[in-house]
Amino acid sequence: MFQDFGEPDRKGEYADEYARMILIYQAVSAVRKKPEQFSFFRRQSTHNGFAEEVLDLINDMKRSGITPDTLRSSAIFAEKKLSDKTNDIADVYYEYERLMQEYGFKDNFENIRVAAHIANLHQYFKGKNVYIDEFESFTGDQIDMIKIIISSAANTVITLRTDNPYAGDFTLFETVNRTFRTIASICRNENIEYKVTKCGKSKRFRHDDLEYISEHIMRNFKAQPKNAPKPQNFHIFEARDMYSEVDYVCATIKRLIHDDKNLKYGDIAVLSNNIQPYEGILKAAFERYDIPFFMSTEKSAVNTPLMVFFTTLLDILSAKKLHSEQIFKMIKCGISGISLEDAAILENYCYKWGVDGDMWLSPFKAKDDDLELIEKMRENIITPVYKLRKKVRKDRSAEEYCRYLYAYLVECNIERNIASLMLKLIKENKDYAASEIKKLWSCLMDIFDSIVSVIGEKEISFAELSRIIRSMTAGLKYSVPPQTIDSVIAASARTARLNAPKILFAMGSTEGDFPNQVSLHGLFSELDKEKLSEKGIEISRPLSDLIASERLIVYKTLSTASEKLYISYPLSDLSGQAKYPSQVIGDIINMFDCEDKVITEDNVTPDYYAVTLHSAFYRYMQDFRRNDGCIAAIEKILTSDKNYNSRIGRIINRSEFSQDYKVDRSVMEKLKRFDPLYISPTALENYNRCHFMYFCSSILKLRTYEKVDIDVRIAGDIVHECFRGILAPRTKEEFISLSYEQISDEIKKNAEKYRDKNLAGEFGKTARFNFIFKKLTDGISNVMIHTQNSLMASDFKPMAHEIAIKDEKSVTLPFGNGNILRFSGQIDRADECIIDDKKYMRIVDYKSSKKEINSEKLASGLNMQMLLYLFAAADTGGIYDGYTPAGVLYTPIRIKELDLADSKDKSFNQSEVNSKLKTTGIILGDKKIINAMEKGGGGNYIPAKLCKNGSIDKKSSCISSEGMQKLKEYTYGKLVEMAESLLSGDVSADPLKEKKDFPCDFCGYMDICGNVDLRNPRTPDEDEVRKAQEILDMKE
């Protein structure tokens, strides 16, 4: 019509969706700047999505022929709240129309109304036969066109889907019947006779039961099962969840194709009223069952690599400061030019050191093996971003902004990276995906062009421009075209356009989804719409119309299949929330009195799903522990295939949850050096806690990345540094003479030294970190004072700190077939004392947690670190060869939950401090040694005490000289035991359970060990416990 007769009073180009989006944002912004306008929506007008809602409303009003003047006039007689709302929308509508005219745009939402005017003016339909099909309702402008058609055409035929056009409200075809009444009213007003012709018997259905469902579903009628045909061609399936529902659908499709050689995949459709949650599950299942498919759904482009990169860039530019999360989102999207491996290195560094905000603007200072690469990436990412951020900080013209953004994309080689990605996809035979990426790049360029052509030189804030661009990109959709001619169609029930499928699967037939529960939202409430409707302002479809439309979708879905209908519903959704069958299920069962038609998962044997090797294996994995013939048959089929046979073998081998992992000795010797084998106390303890944990951490070097913070390990290291820095350069007398202030100053100096050397100083430190750091260093002073007091009360004196046991000074023990092991480590402090011309030594270790030496720990190979240091240092050839082992002391270095309440003299509770800091461990059961360790043997500082009569208190943690020798042999035996077990390849995931401690609570390898059930965790061996206790009982 426009080509034949032109468009009177309309000039210029049509505003595309980008132009309309730009204009509506400008209109909203212009109205918001006027203080007298936006009485109701002022706050909401700044929210994301508001402009889009207004534009949708304006488009609906244009279709209905409502002008801004019409809308404003309706507000005059409305109550204040509704009047304010209506005037606000009318103001935006006025401004939007003004901008349309200013920029010379035409609106295609006015096309039908303009065409109706042209058709009437030129009698376009006069003498013509007009046929209208596939409509259930018409918009206002469409009704205007129909009026012209009916009044001038020779014959007008309109087909409507209804069983009784004269039925009242609240029936299945309520919307259609309302349309019929509207058309009939037009005919009467035009004095044109009309005739209603009802379609006879439907020719779609091959079977009576399907036709019966179509004729009765969603109607109010009393079920009469005796009059219903035999239910043979529809099936109802109750699934446990959406995964098993899809599994059943795909297995059934495969069986139908196999059983009927004339049936094609294209004869089958899979519909759901809410198809989106099913998309990923369906795609995986179709591939598993080797079913060609076409997913007839549009996907949002928001999550594509290009749009993720670009929208995240907008976030970075709009934010007040840089955020690491946004930066990594941008560089990991796949087109930044940074590999995922390099991005991971950078991300790990930033996570470890807490990099965020302005830290990105300066060179990274914390040491790292990959620091050069990390710094290069930082500079390549931040330099162009920061340069662009400076440019967009002040208001500029829209054209300038677009030029800057495009220049950034060019500088970062985004177009070239996209071309590389497209080439990669083409090589993988994914031409359609490459085509979509190219299309999205073109769309982004079109967005720039539209902004420049519409706004151009007009000054605008970057925040407003960002909102406009985001809205434009949010509307971008893409779809994957069919990859084969013959394929199953999976689509949304509300949008599907099917070509007479023979078989239909209606999935997700649950309450609230089928039919869909109508949720109302928008700028006007339902009551507002009713009040406006009373004044002739129909701005959207009424609630009753929406409900009727949802019911009609159900009817059309269940009336689609000509030969077989499958209806299914899951009992839970993807989040595990319970779901219930739709009312439709009950209605169909009542129609035919056929409760036996409902199939549950218990009614379906595993072999039903075994229609491809892949699907058979998938089902076998779920049910292989079932001891029945079906699983045995599936296993036999799978084992006949070379690939699946090996996979089945691995499953069977691991099915008993033993996790007795073994590494071949030749492989183990390549992974770990055994000539000699070096074992540290930490290695011994980790191996004895769990062989698999040790294997992952110490041999495979697998690490979970840690964030630098003051945790137990770092706190312990700081305390060690302070003790070494203060005690090591001083004699015992010099240390004892230090005042509290001097000790505090030394602690701060040594703690800061550790912080600068190991924690990168102030780099990445938060206020919380600094607070905890200060609190920790303040607390160390009390520990130091306690250490002063303990040394004052002792004849032992420190002789060395941080003593390394290694190489020729380490213990050498034979194991295996001619192999040797060497024990190595570092002693915190070694003290000496000469008693009766005999040299004695004790080992002191600073621990942040309480350590005990008892039979269960020894039997399990735990808490042996200090004992091994003691025996290794004093052994023949050791660094303290000639000294007699006097014992080991574990010194707590944290005062936890102490009662430090002020006493009358304002001093803190020293007895409580001494109690909490009292050492644990084991010492020689010799009165002279006990008295030398603590004068008077009061037991305030050591785990031993002398009674008033001079005897050793029975509760003392002491051992005789013979017992000490036995203990040495026992601990060395544990070293050899570990060495031989490791050489044999024993890396079983069999963790040790200690009392109430759960062995895997803090293990970083729990996800890969396979022992998730922990049915029988290992406990200390009773015989070993008994043996260790016998040694510890040797006190005299």
Foldseek 3Di string as FASTA:
>chain_A
DCVVPNFPPADDEAQDPLLLLVLLLVLLVVQLVDVVALPDCNVVSPDFPPSVQLSLLLLLLLLQVQALVNQLVLLPPDPDVLSNLSPNSSSSRVSSVVLCVVLRHDYCSNVLQSVLVVCQVVVVQAAHEEEAEDDQAGGNSVLSNLLSNQLHHPHYHYDHDDPDLPDDAPFLSRSNSVRVVSSVVSCVVSVHDDDDDDDDDDPQAPDQQLVVCLVDFRGDDAFDQVPGDDPDFEFEEEEAELLVVLLLVLLVLLVVCVVDVPDFQLLEAEAEQDCVLCVVSNVVNCVLSVFAEFEPDKDACCLQLVNQQLLLLLVQLPDPWWAPVSLLSNCVSQQQPDDPVLSVVLVLVCQQLVDGTCLLVDQFQDDDPCSVSNRVVSCLSVVLSVVLSVVQPDWFFLLVNLVSSVVSCVSSCRVVSLVVVLVVCVVVVNNQVNVVSVVVVVQLVVSSVSSCSSRNGPIDHSVSVSSSVVVSSRPDIDGRDRPDPTGYYYYYLLPDDGDQRQEYEYEAQFPCGQLHDDDDDGSDDLVSQVSVVVVVRRSDDHPSSVVSSSSNSNSCRSSRHRGHYYYYHHQAYPVRHGTHHHVSVVVSCSNNVCPVSYHYPVNDDLVSSPSDLSSLVVSCVVCVVDPDDSNVVSLVVQCVDPVSVVVVVVCVVPVVLFLFDFDALVVLCVQAPVQPAEDELVLLAQCLQALQLSCVCPRVVDDDRHHDAPDQVNLQVLLLQLCCQQQVVDWLVVLLPDDLVRSLVSSVVSSQVCCVVPVVHCRSDDPVRVVVSVVSSVQQSLVSNLVSVLSVQALKIWDHAFAWQDDQQWDWDDADPGTIYTYIDTFGTKIWHADPNAIAIEGEAEHQDADADALQQLLSSHPCNRLNVQCSQCDVSHVNPRHQYFWYWYWHRGDPPFQQDADPVRGGDVQSSLVSGAIYTEGALDLVSCCNSGPQQPSSRYQWRADPVRHTDPRRQYAHSVLSVVSNVSSVVSVNVSSVCVSRRRRGRAGEDDDPDDSCPPRPCQVPSSSVPPPDHHYRDPVSSVVSNVSSPRRD
